[in-house]
Amino acid sequence: MDERSASLAKNEAIFRAGNDSIDKAAGGRVENVPYLCECGEMSCLARVELTPAEYEAVRSHRARFLVVPGHEDLTAGEVVVEQHDRFTVVEKQGEEREIVEQSA
């Protein structure tokens, strides 16, 4: 694993923590919630609208992240596991997976 991949994995864990806060604040009171893209690029400000149930389905797997379509980075230790019109779900593999699972 290179330094860039490790850094992206750490950033993705930070974005996921932010989305957990957004999810908690929404508290199931709204139908669609604007979550942050969890692509790991610190400059990304994209939002993805998901239902709380969709978010929970992604979040139930500690190594999975939601990204806007096109923000997948297959060079950073991840594979696409689901594709939807509004979002893509990626899953970390190998050493990158270990990093995100430790931060969960």
Protein backbone atom coordinates (compact mmCIF):
# COMPACT_ATOMS: atom_id res chain seq x y z
CA MET A 1 0.00 0.00 0.00
CA ASP A 2 1.36 3.39 -0.93
CA GLU A 3 1.14 6.59 1.13
CA ARG A 4 -1.62 8.04 -1.08
CA SER A 5 -3.88 5.00 -0.59
CA ALA A 6 -3.36 5.08 3.17
CA SER A 7 -4.17 8.79 3.26
CA LEU A 8 -7.33 8.31 1.20
CA ALA A 9 -8.48 5.50 3.49
CA LYS A 10 -8.03 7.75 6.53
CA ASN A 11 -9.91 10.59 4.80
CA GLU A 12 -12.77 8.26 3.88
CA ALA A 13 -13.10 7.25 7.53
CA ILE A 14 -13.31 10.94 8.46
CA PHE A 15 -16.06 11.57 5.88
CA ARG A 16 -17.93 8.52 7.15
CA ALA A 17 -17.79 9.92 10.71
CA GLY A 18 -19.24 13.17 9.35
CA ASN A 19 -22.04 11.25 7.65
CA ASP A 20 -22.78 9.41 10.88
CA SER A 21 -23.29 12.83 12.51
CA ILE A 22 -25.54 13.94 9.64
CA ASP A 23 -27.54 10.73 9.95
CA LYS A 24 -27.94 11.19 13.69
CA ALA A 25 -29.02 14.83 13.27
CA ALA A 26 -31.60 13.85 10.64
CA GLY A 27 -32.97 11.31 13.09
CA GLY A 28 -35.25 9.70 10.52
CA ARG A 29 -37.31 12.89 10.26
CA VAL A 30 -36.68 13.43 6.54
CA GLU A 31 -37.11 11.17 3.54
CA ASN A 32 -33.83 12.02 1.78
CA VAL A 33 -30.71 13.15 3.57
CA PRO A 34 -27.78 14.95 1.86
CA TYR A 35 -24.75 12.86 2.84
CA LEU A 36 -21.15 13.73 1.97
CA CYS A 37 -19.40 11.85 -0.82
CA GLU A 38 -16.94 9.56 0.96
CA CYS A 39 -14.42 9.40 -1.89
CA GLY A 40 -11.53 10.48 0.31
CA GLU A 41 -10.46 13.49 -1.75
CA MET A 42 -10.30 16.32 0.78
CA SER A 43 -11.35 18.85 -1.88
CA CYS A 44 -14.56 16.95 -2.77
CA LEU A 45 -17.69 18.78 -1.63
CA ALA A 46 -20.20 16.59 -3.47
CA ARG A 47 -23.40 15.51 -1.73
CA VAL A 48 -25.38 12.34 -2.26
CA GLU A 49 -29.05 12.17 -1.26
CA LEU A 50 -29.98 8.84 0.29
CA THR A 51 -32.81 7.60 2.41
CA PRO A 52 -31.80 6.70 5.96
CA ALA A 53 -32.40 3.03 5.05
CA GLU A 54 -30.02 3.26 2.07
CA TYR A 55 -27.37 4.85 4.27
CA GLU A 56 -27.79 2.16 6.93
CA ALA A 57 -27.41 -0.56 4.28
CA VAL A 58 -24.04 0.88 3.22
CA ARG A 59 -22.94 1.61 6.77
CA SER A 60 -23.74 -1.92 7.96
CA HIS A 61 -20.48 -3.00 6.29
CA ARG A 62 -17.50 -1.35 8.00
CA ALA A 63 -15.34 -1.35 4.87
CA ARG A 64 -17.97 0.12 2.52
CA PHE A 65 -18.35 3.75 1.49
CA LEU A 66 -20.78 5.75 -0.61
CA VAL A 67 -19.45 7.94 -3.39
CA VAL A 68 -20.99 9.91 -6.22
CA PRO A 69 -20.77 8.04 -9.53
CA GLY A 70 -17.36 8.63 -11.07
CA HIS A 71 -15.57 9.15 -7.74
CA GLU A 72 -14.51 5.51 -7.44
CA ASP A 73 -10.74 5.08 -7.11
CA LEU A 74 -9.83 1.53 -8.02
CA THR A 75 -6.13 2.37 -7.58
CA ALA A 76 -6.68 3.03 -3.84
CA GLY A 77 -7.52 -0.47 -2.67
CA GLU A 78 -11.25 -0.46 -3.36
CA VAL A 79 -13.71 -2.29 -5.57
CA VAL A 80 -17.20 -1.31 -6.70
CA VAL A 81 -19.82 -3.52 -5.01
CA GLU A 82 -23.03 -1.64 -5.95
CA GLN A 83 -24.00 0.96 -8.53
CA HIS A 84 -27.15 3.06 -8.37
CA ASP A 85 -28.29 6.11 -10.30
CA ARG A 86 -27.48 8.48 -7.43
CA PHE A 87 -24.54 6.77 -5.75
CA THR A 88 -21.96 4.00 -5.93
CA VAL A 89 -20.85 1.77 -3.07
CA VAL A 90 -17.17 0.86 -2.87
CA GLU A 91 -15.49 -1.57 -0.51
CA LYS A 92 -11.93 -1.28 0.73
CA GLN A 93 -9.65 -4.31 0.35
CA GLY A 94 -6.31 -5.36 1.82
CA GLU A 95 -4.33 -3.00 4.04
CA GLU A 96 -6.69 -0.11 3.24
CA ARG A 97 -9.53 -2.19 4.64
CA GLU A 98 -7.59 -2.66 7.88
CA ILE A 99 -7.18 1.12 8.20
CA VAL A 100 -10.89 1.89 7.83
CA GLU A 101 -12.00 -0.99 10.02
CA GLN A 102 -9.73 0.22 12.83
CA SER A 103 -11.31 3.66 12.65
CA ALA A 104 -14.89 2.36 12.65
